[in-house]
Amino acid sequence: MHRISFGARERAADVGVSCLADAELLALVLGTGNRGEPVGVLAQSVLEELGGVEGIARAGIGELTSARGLGPARGARVAAATELGRRAFAASSRKDGASMSDPSTVDAWARPRLVTLDHEELWALALDGRNRLRAARRIAAGGLHGMHVLPRDVLRAMVREAASAFVLVHNHPSGDCRPSEEDVGFTLRVVEAARALATPLVDHLVLGAPGYTSMLEAGILK
């Protein structure tokens, strides 16, 4: 197997990984190429096949492992590196103490985790008394309606996290950030159920590419 050239490693040490091209970064993650195919060539081929770094972030582990030339071990390595990046960004957002009552802050937290997915995920962000992030819980994956999500699913998670208030956020893989009628209906049912527990829903964001819709800013929530 062709191992990664020392040039990419040296460039990473000299100028930092942020200065490396996408193919160089992927080659560092892969580590080795295939017989007759250097790792840099393999990395470029994978990027082209999957649609660049955005396509890699959107791909599930099954798609990665079946990409030409990768296989289970290297596909899992790429999936793990992508998930580490998402978790690092989420952790840094959680520590900065920013108010999650600001939709742009919610968008900054959720976008790296959700916008590249090829399926819908609904997350509930538990807030403390100052509207700072206390905890984040994924409530459902695969689509709000396909998962048959109920308001009690959200509220049960928020009670467990001792939330003073909470924010909902979900993505539209189509890229259209306009909430559907079903999105609005579900949100209003959550508002009513949350009122009984005195744990208010602050906002519900729908993420698209590249924008988002805040139901609070849109006047759907009062």
C-alpha atoms as a PDB file:
ATOM      1  CA  MET A   1       0.000   0.000   0.000  1.00  0.00           C
ATOM      2  CA  HIS A   2       1.075   3.552  -0.658  1.00  0.00           C
ATOM      3  CA  ARG A   3       1.411   5.499   2.542  1.00  0.00           C
ATOM      4  CA  ILE A   4       0.805   9.219   2.678  1.00  0.00           C
ATOM      5  CA  SER A   5       3.704  11.287   1.458  1.00  0.00           C
ATOM      6  CA  PHE A   6       5.874  13.037   3.992  1.00  0.00           C
ATOM      7  CA  GLY A   7       5.152  16.287   2.099  1.00  0.00           C
ATOM      8  CA  ALA A   8       1.596  16.531   3.445  1.00  0.00           C
ATOM      9  CA  ARG A   9       2.717  15.634   6.950  1.00  0.00           C
ATOM     10  CA  GLU A  10       5.499  18.189   6.827  1.00  0.00           C
ATOM     11  CA  ARG A  11       3.164  20.870   5.501  1.00  0.00           C
ATOM     12  CA  ALA A  12       0.732  20.109   8.331  1.00  0.00           C
ATOM     13  CA  ALA A  13       3.532  20.540  10.857  1.00  0.00           C
ATOM     14  CA  ASP A  14       4.964  23.650   9.196  1.00  0.00           C
ATOM     15  CA  VAL A  15       1.859  25.664   8.299  1.00  0.00           C
ATOM     16  CA  GLY A  16      -0.948  23.903  10.207  1.00  0.00           C
ATOM     17  CA  VAL A  17      -3.732  21.665   8.975  1.00  0.00           C
ATOM     18  CA  SER A  18      -5.970  24.667   8.248  1.00  0.00           C
ATOM     19  CA  CYS A  19      -3.704  25.484   5.287  1.00  0.00           C
ATOM     20  CA  LEU A  20      -3.970  22.043   3.689  1.00  0.00           C
ATOM     21  CA  ALA A  21      -6.171  21.333   0.697  1.00  0.00           C
ATOM     22  CA  ASP A  22      -9.221  19.099   1.134  1.00  0.00           C
ATOM     23  CA  ALA A  23      -7.503  16.163  -0.563  1.00  0.00           C
ATOM     24  CA  GLU A  24      -4.459  16.518   1.703  1.00  0.00           C
ATOM     25  CA  LEU A  25      -6.626  16.521   4.825  1.00  0.00           C
ATOM     26  CA  LEU A  26      -8.526  13.460   3.676  1.00  0.00           C
ATOM     27  CA  ALA A  27      -5.268  11.721   2.774  1.00  0.00           C
ATOM     28  CA  LEU A  28      -4.008  12.302   6.317  1.00  0.00           C
ATOM     29  CA  VAL A  29      -7.180  10.704   7.688  1.00  0.00           C
ATOM     30  CA  LEU A  30      -6.987   7.738   5.311  1.00  0.00           C
ATOM     31  CA  GLY A  31      -3.318   7.122   6.005  1.00  0.00           C
ATOM     32  CA  THR A  32      -2.726   4.661   3.141  1.00  0.00           C
ATOM     33  CA  GLY A  33      -3.702   4.242  -0.465  1.00  0.00           C
ATOM     34  CA  ASN A  34      -4.320   1.050  -2.425  1.00  0.00           C
ATOM     35  CA  ARG A  35      -2.032  -1.104  -4.527  1.00  0.00           C
ATOM     36  CA  GLY A  36      -0.961   1.043  -7.466  1.00  0.00           C
ATOM     37  CA  GLU A  37      -2.870   4.074  -6.158  1.00  0.00           C
ATOM     38  CA  PRO A  38      -1.176   6.628  -3.869  1.00  0.00           C
ATOM     39  CA  VAL A  39      -3.254   7.860  -0.962  1.00  0.00           C
ATOM     40  CA  GLY A  40      -3.410  11.382  -2.402  1.00  0.00           C
ATOM     41  CA  VAL A  41      -4.978  10.055  -5.607  1.00  0.00           C
ATOM     42  CA  LEU A  42      -7.427   7.954  -3.595  1.00  0.00           C
ATOM     43  CA  ALA A  43      -8.400  10.974  -1.480  1.00  0.00           C
ATOM     44  CA  GLN A  44      -9.077  13.108  -4.555  1.00  0.00           C
ATOM     45  CA  SER A  45     -11.113  10.293  -6.108  1.00  0.00           C
ATOM     46  CA  VAL A  46     -13.270   9.947  -2.976  1.00  0.00           C
ATOM     47  CA  LEU A  47     -13.894  13.696  -2.857  1.00  0.00           C
ATOM     48  CA  GLU A  48     -15.030  13.691  -6.477  1.00  0.00           C
ATOM     49  CA  GLU A  49     -17.238  10.633  -6.014  1.00  0.00           C
ATOM     50  CA  LEU A  50     -19.020  11.934  -2.892  1.00  0.00           C
ATOM     51  CA  GLY A  51     -19.295  15.600  -3.834  1.00  0.00           C
ATOM     52  CA  GLY A  52     -16.472  17.220  -1.875  1.00  0.00           C
ATOM     53  CA  VAL A  53     -16.225  17.740   1.870  1.00  0.00           C
ATOM     54  CA  GLU A  54     -19.916  18.607   2.101  1.00  0.00           C
ATOM     55  CA  GLY A  55     -20.812  15.301   0.490  1.00  0.00           C
ATOM     56  CA  ILE A  56     -18.512  13.444   2.860  1.00  0.00           C
ATOM     57  CA  ALA A  57     -20.144  15.143   5.847  1.00  0.00           C
ATOM     58  CA  ARG A  58     -23.585  14.240   4.502  1.00  0.00           C
ATOM     59  CA  ALA A  59     -22.719  10.604   3.770  1.00  0.00           C
ATOM     60  CA  GLY A  60     -23.534   7.902   6.292  1.00  0.00           C
ATOM     61  CA  ILE A  61     -20.997   5.311   7.291  1.00  0.00           C
ATOM     62  CA  GLY A  62     -22.515   2.804   4.865  1.00  0.00           C
ATOM     63  CA  GLU A  63     -21.976   5.124   1.920  1.00  0.00           C
ATOM     64  CA  LEU A  64     -18.448   5.912   3.049  1.00  0.00           C
ATOM     65  CA  THR A  65     -17.422   2.290   3.456  1.00  0.00           C
ATOM     66  CA  SER A  66     -18.835   1.435   0.011  1.00  0.00           C
ATOM     67  CA  ALA A  67     -17.049   4.327  -1.729  1.00  0.00           C
ATOM     68  CA  ARG A  68     -14.539   3.092  -4.279  1.00  0.00           C
ATOM     69  CA  GLY A  69     -11.245   2.221  -2.650  1.00  0.00           C
ATOM     70  CA  LEU A  70     -12.190   2.811   0.986  1.00  0.00           C
ATOM     71  CA  GLY A  71     -13.673  -0.268   2.644  1.00  0.00           C
ATOM     72  CA  PRO A  72     -14.911  -0.676   6.241  1.00  0.00           C
ATOM     73  CA  ALA A  73     -11.795   0.436   8.119  1.00  0.00           C
ATOM     74  CA  ARG A  74     -11.049   3.636   6.217  1.00  0.00           C
ATOM     75  CA  GLY A  75     -14.719   4.476   5.766  1.00  0.00           C
ATOM     76  CA  ALA A  76     -15.206   4.266   9.519  1.00  0.00           C
ATOM     77  CA  ARG A  77     -12.107   6.420  10.024  1.00  0.00           C
ATOM     78  CA  VAL A  78     -13.515   9.180   7.802  1.00  0.00           C
ATOM     79  CA  ALA A  79     -16.927   8.990   9.523  1.00  0.00           C
ATOM     80  CA  ALA A  80     -15.248   9.245  12.932  1.00  0.00           C
ATOM     81  CA  ALA A  81     -13.173  12.272  11.897  1.00  0.00           C
ATOM     82  CA  THR A  82     -16.287  14.031  10.609  1.00  0.00           C
ATOM     83  CA  GLU A  83     -18.208  13.331  13.808  1.00  0.00           C
ATOM     84  CA  LEU A  84     -15.306  14.555  15.944  1.00  0.00           C
ATOM     85  CA  GLY A  85     -15.429  17.871  14.091  1.00  0.00           C
ATOM     86  CA  ARG A  86     -19.161  18.192  14.730  1.00  0.00           C
ATOM     87  CA  ARG A  87     -18.786  17.386  18.422  1.00  0.00           C
ATOM     88  CA  ALA A  88     -15.876  19.782  18.885  1.00  0.00           C
ATOM     89  CA  PHE A  89     -17.874  22.639  17.404  1.00  0.00           C
ATOM     90  CA  ALA A  90     -20.914  21.786  19.519  1.00  0.00           C
ATOM     91  CA  ALA A  91     -18.796  21.604  22.685  1.00  0.00           C
ATOM     92  CA  SER A  92     -17.186  24.988  22.046  1.00  0.00           C
ATOM     93  CA  SER A  93     -20.610  26.546  21.431  1.00  0.00           C
ATOM     94  CA  ARG A  94     -21.896  25.080  24.686  1.00  0.00           C
ATOM     95  CA  LYS A  95     -19.111  26.668  26.723  1.00  0.00           C
ATOM     96  CA  ASP A  96     -19.256  30.220  25.429  1.00  0.00           C
ATOM     97  CA  GLY A  97     -22.273  31.165  27.559  1.00  0.00           C
ATOM     98  CA  ALA A  98     -24.172  32.759  24.672  1.00  0.00           C
ATOM     99  CA  SER A  99     -27.926  33.127  25.033  1.00  0.00           C
ATOM    100  CA  MET A 100     -29.836  30.523  23.060  1.00  0.00           C
ATOM    101  CA  SER A 101     -32.785  32.903  22.848  1.00  0.00           C
ATOM    102  CA  ASP A 102     -30.892  34.427  19.893  1.00  0.00           C
ATOM    103  CA  PRO A 103     -31.755  32.414  16.737  1.00  0.00           C
ATOM    104  CA  SER A 104     -28.354  33.092  15.177  1.00  0.00           C
ATOM    105  CA  THR A 105     -26.681  31.428  18.174  1.00  0.00           C
ATOM    106  CA  VAL A 106     -28.915  28.378  17.827  1.00  0.00           C
ATOM    107  CA  ASP A 107     -28.127  28.267  14.119  1.00  0.00           C
ATOM    108  CA  ALA A 108     -24.384  28.453  14.828  1.00  0.00           C
ATOM    109  CA  TRP A 109     -24.706  25.527  17.253  1.00  0.00           C
ATOM    110  CA  ALA A 110     -26.929  23.335  15.099  1.00  0.00           C
ATOM    111  CA  ARG A 111     -25.744  23.967  11.531  1.00  0.00           C
ATOM    112  CA  PRO A 112     -22.472  21.966  11.672  1.00  0.00           C
ATOM    113  CA  ARG A 113     -24.353  19.018  13.147  1.00  0.00           C
ATOM    114  CA  LEU A 114     -27.537  19.022  11.062  1.00  0.00           C
ATOM    115  CA  VAL A 115     -27.288  20.841   7.758  1.00  0.00           C
ATOM    116  CA  THR A 116     -25.234  18.201   5.939  1.00  0.00           C
ATOM    117  CA  LEU A 117     -27.477  15.284   6.942  1.00  0.00           C
ATOM    118  CA  ASP A 118     -29.566  13.502   4.309  1.00  0.00           C
ATOM    119  CA  HIS A 119     -32.387  12.898   6.798  1.00  0.00           C
ATOM    120  CA  GLU A 120     -34.291  15.062   9.264  1.00  0.00           C
ATOM    121  CA  GLU A 121     -33.342  15.202  12.927  1.00  0.00           C
ATOM    122  CA  LEU A 122     -35.224  16.990  15.706  1.00  0.00           C
ATOM    123  CA  TRP A 123     -33.178  18.293  18.640  1.00  0.00           C
ATOM    124  CA  ALA A 124     -34.311  19.933  21.858  1.00  0.00           C
ATOM    125  CA  LEU A 125     -31.908  22.322  23.580  1.00  0.00           C
ATOM    126  CA  ALA A 126     -32.493  22.532  27.328  1.00  0.00           C
ATOM    127  CA  LEU A 127     -31.804  26.034  28.689  1.00  0.00           C
ATOM    128  CA  ASP A 128     -30.990  27.285  32.159  1.00  0.00           C
ATOM    129  CA  GLY A 129     -32.579  30.308  33.838  1.00  0.00           C
ATOM    130  CA  ARG A 130     -30.424  32.685  31.756  1.00  0.00           C
ATOM    131  CA  ASN A 131     -31.273  30.964  28.462  1.00  0.00           C
ATOM    132  CA  ARG A 132     -27.819  29.384  28.220  1.00  0.00           C
ATOM    133  CA  LEU A 133     -27.412  25.878  26.882  1.00  0.00           C
ATOM    134  CA  ARG A 134     -27.742  23.292  29.625  1.00  0.00           C
ATOM    135  CA  ALA A 135     -27.983  20.141  27.520  1.00  0.00           C
ATOM    136  CA  ALA A 136     -28.881  19.007  24.008  1.00  0.00           C
ATOM    137  CA  ARG A 137     -31.000  15.954  23.274  1.00  0.00           C
ATOM    138  CA  ARG A 138     -31.810  14.391  19.928  1.00  0.00           C
ATOM    139  CA  ILE A 139     -35.511  13.615  20.054  1.00  0.00           C
ATOM    140  CA  ALA A 140     -36.020  11.927  16.692  1.00  0.00           C
ATOM    141  CA  ALA A 141     -34.271  11.082  13.437  1.00  0.00           C
ATOM    142  CA  GLY A 142     -35.641  10.271  10.017  1.00  0.00           C
ATOM    143  CA  GLY A 143     -38.291  12.965   9.776  1.00  0.00           C
ATOM    144  CA  LEU A 144     -40.731  14.523  12.211  1.00  0.00           C
ATOM    145  CA  HIS A 145     -43.754  12.739  10.799  1.00  0.00           C
ATOM    146  CA  GLY A 146     -42.126   9.439   9.879  1.00  0.00           C
ATOM    147  CA  MET A 147     -40.927   9.121  13.470  1.00  0.00           C
ATOM    148  CA  HIS A 148     -44.375   9.923  14.877  1.00  0.00           C
ATOM    149  CA  VAL A 149     -42.963  12.454  17.307  1.00  0.00           C
ATOM    150  CA  LEU A 150     -45.285  13.568  20.080  1.00  0.00           C
ATOM    151  CA  PRO A 151     -45.024  16.618  22.350  1.00  0.00           C
ATOM    152  CA  ARG A 152     -44.537  14.332  25.318  1.00  0.00           C
ATOM    153  CA  ASP A 153     -41.362  12.962  23.710  1.00  0.00           C
ATOM    154  CA  VAL A 154     -39.887  16.458  23.824  1.00  0.00           C
ATOM    155  CA  LEU A 155     -41.141  17.346  27.281  1.00  0.00           C
ATOM    156  CA  ARG A 156     -40.019  14.089  28.852  1.00  0.00           C
ATOM    157  CA  ALA A 157     -36.450  14.822  27.732  1.00  0.00           C
ATOM    158  CA  MET A 158     -36.597  18.415  28.966  1.00  0.00           C
ATOM    159  CA  VAL A 159     -37.899  17.381  32.383  1.00  0.00           C
ATOM    160  CA  ARG A 160     -35.009  14.926  32.701  1.00  0.00           C
ATOM    161  CA  GLU A 161     -32.568  17.746  31.916  1.00  0.00           C
ATOM    162  CA  ALA A 162     -34.236  20.076  34.466  1.00  0.00           C
ATOM    163  CA  ALA A 163     -34.712  22.696  31.761  1.00  0.00           C
ATOM    164  CA  SER A 164     -36.026  26.134  32.683  1.00  0.00           C
ATOM    165  CA  ALA A 165     -36.992  26.617  29.021  1.00  0.00           C
ATOM    166  CA  PHE A 166     -36.060  24.990  25.725  1.00  0.00           C
ATOM    167  CA  VAL A 167     -35.549  25.514  22.006  1.00  0.00           C
ATOM    168  CA  LEU A 168     -36.389  23.093  19.201  1.00  0.00           C
ATOM    169  CA  VAL A 169     -34.355  22.835  16.015  1.00  0.00           C
ATOM    170  CA  HIS A 170     -34.612  20.539  13.040  1.00  0.00           C
ATOM    171  CA  ASN A 171     -33.231  20.428   9.516  1.00  0.00           C
ATOM    172  CA  HIS A 172     -34.784  20.170   6.070  1.00  0.00           C
ATOM    173  CA  PRO A 173     -32.447  18.106   3.852  1.00  0.00           C
ATOM    174  CA  SER A 174     -34.118  19.674   0.804  1.00  0.00           C
ATOM    175  CA  GLY A 175     -32.486  22.975   1.761  1.00  0.00           C
ATOM    176  CA  ASP A 176     -35.828  24.796   2.028  1.00  0.00           C
ATOM    177  CA  CYS A 177     -35.944  26.392   5.466  1.00  0.00           C
ATOM    178  CA  ARG A 178     -39.653  27.292   5.339  1.00  0.00           C
ATOM    179  CA  PRO A 179     -41.637  25.406   8.010  1.00  0.00           C
ATOM    180  CA  SER A 180     -44.320  23.094   6.697  1.00  0.00           C
ATOM    181  CA  GLU A 181     -47.884  23.068   7.984  1.00  0.00           C
ATOM    182  CA  GLU A 182     -47.011  19.909   9.893  1.00  0.00           C
ATOM    183  CA  ASP A 183     -43.981  21.637  11.449  1.00  0.00           C
ATOM    184  CA  VAL A 184     -46.153  24.524  12.622  1.00  0.00           C
ATOM    185  CA  GLY A 185     -48.898  22.259  13.950  1.00  0.00           C
ATOM    186  CA  PHE A 186     -46.445  20.121  15.887  1.00  0.00           C
ATOM    187  CA  THR A 187     -44.769  23.217  17.339  1.00  0.00           C
ATOM    188  CA  LEU A 188     -48.034  24.715  18.553  1.00  0.00           C
ATOM    189  CA  ARG A 189     -48.962  21.428  20.229  1.00  0.00           C
ATOM    190  CA  VAL A 190     -45.610  21.462  22.006  1.00  0.00           C
ATOM    191  CA  VAL A 191     -46.287  25.042  23.156  1.00  0.00           C
ATOM    192  CA  GLU A 192     -49.588  23.999  24.723  1.00  0.00           C
ATOM    193  CA  ALA A 193     -48.115  20.948  26.428  1.00  0.00           C
ATOM    194  CA  ALA A 194     -45.111  22.933  27.698  1.00  0.00           C
ATOM    195  CA  ARG A 195     -47.350  25.599  29.178  1.00  0.00           C
ATOM    196  CA  ALA A 196     -48.828  23.021  31.557  1.00  0.00           C
ATOM    197  CA  LEU A 197     -45.322  22.272  32.873  1.00  0.00           C
ATOM    198  CA  ALA A 198     -44.297  25.935  33.091  1.00  0.00           C
ATOM    199  CA  THR A 199     -41.296  25.110  30.880  1.00  0.00           C
ATOM    200  CA  PRO A 200     -41.759  27.381  27.881  1.00  0.00           C
ATOM    201  CA  LEU A 201     -40.698  26.752  24.314  1.00  0.00           C
ATOM    202  CA  VAL A 202     -38.570  29.775  23.401  1.00  0.00           C
ATOM    203  CA  ASP A 203     -38.226  29.129  19.667  1.00  0.00           C
ATOM    204  CA  HIS A 204     -38.221  26.487  16.961  1.00  0.00           C
ATOM    205  CA  LEU A 205     -35.679  26.826  14.153  1.00  0.00           C
ATOM    206  CA  VAL A 206     -35.928  25.119  10.784  1.00  0.00           C
ATOM    207  CA  LEU A 207     -32.507  24.857   9.132  1.00  0.00           C
ATOM    208  CA  GLY A 208     -31.975  24.870   5.398  1.00  0.00           C
ATOM    209  CA  ALA A 209     -29.073  25.658   3.115  1.00  0.00           C
ATOM    210  CA  PRO A 210     -27.961  28.303   3.653  1.00  0.00           C
ATOM    211  CA  GLY A 211     -30.585  29.989   5.838  1.00  0.00           C
ATOM    212  CA  TYR A 212     -32.991  29.250   8.657  1.00  0.00           C
ATOM    213  CA  THR A 213     -36.471  30.221   9.801  1.00  0.00           C
ATOM    214  CA  SER A 214     -37.099  31.181  13.410  1.00  0.00           C
ATOM    215  CA  MET A 215     -40.743  30.573  14.269  1.00  0.00           C
ATOM    216  CA  LEU A 216     -40.428  33.250  16.937  1.00  0.00           C
ATOM    217  CA  GLU A 217     -39.189  35.860  14.458  1.00  0.00           C
ATOM    218  CA  ALA A 218     -41.782  34.707  11.918  1.00  0.00           C
ATOM    219  CA  GLY A 219     -44.577  35.415  14.423  1.00  0.00           C
ATOM    220  CA  ILE A 220     -45.689  31.795  14.668  1.00  0.00           C
ATOM    221  CA  LEU A 221     -44.694  31.740  18.340  1.00  0.00           C
ATOM    222  CA  LYS A 222     -45.696  34.556  20.658  1.00  0.00           C
END
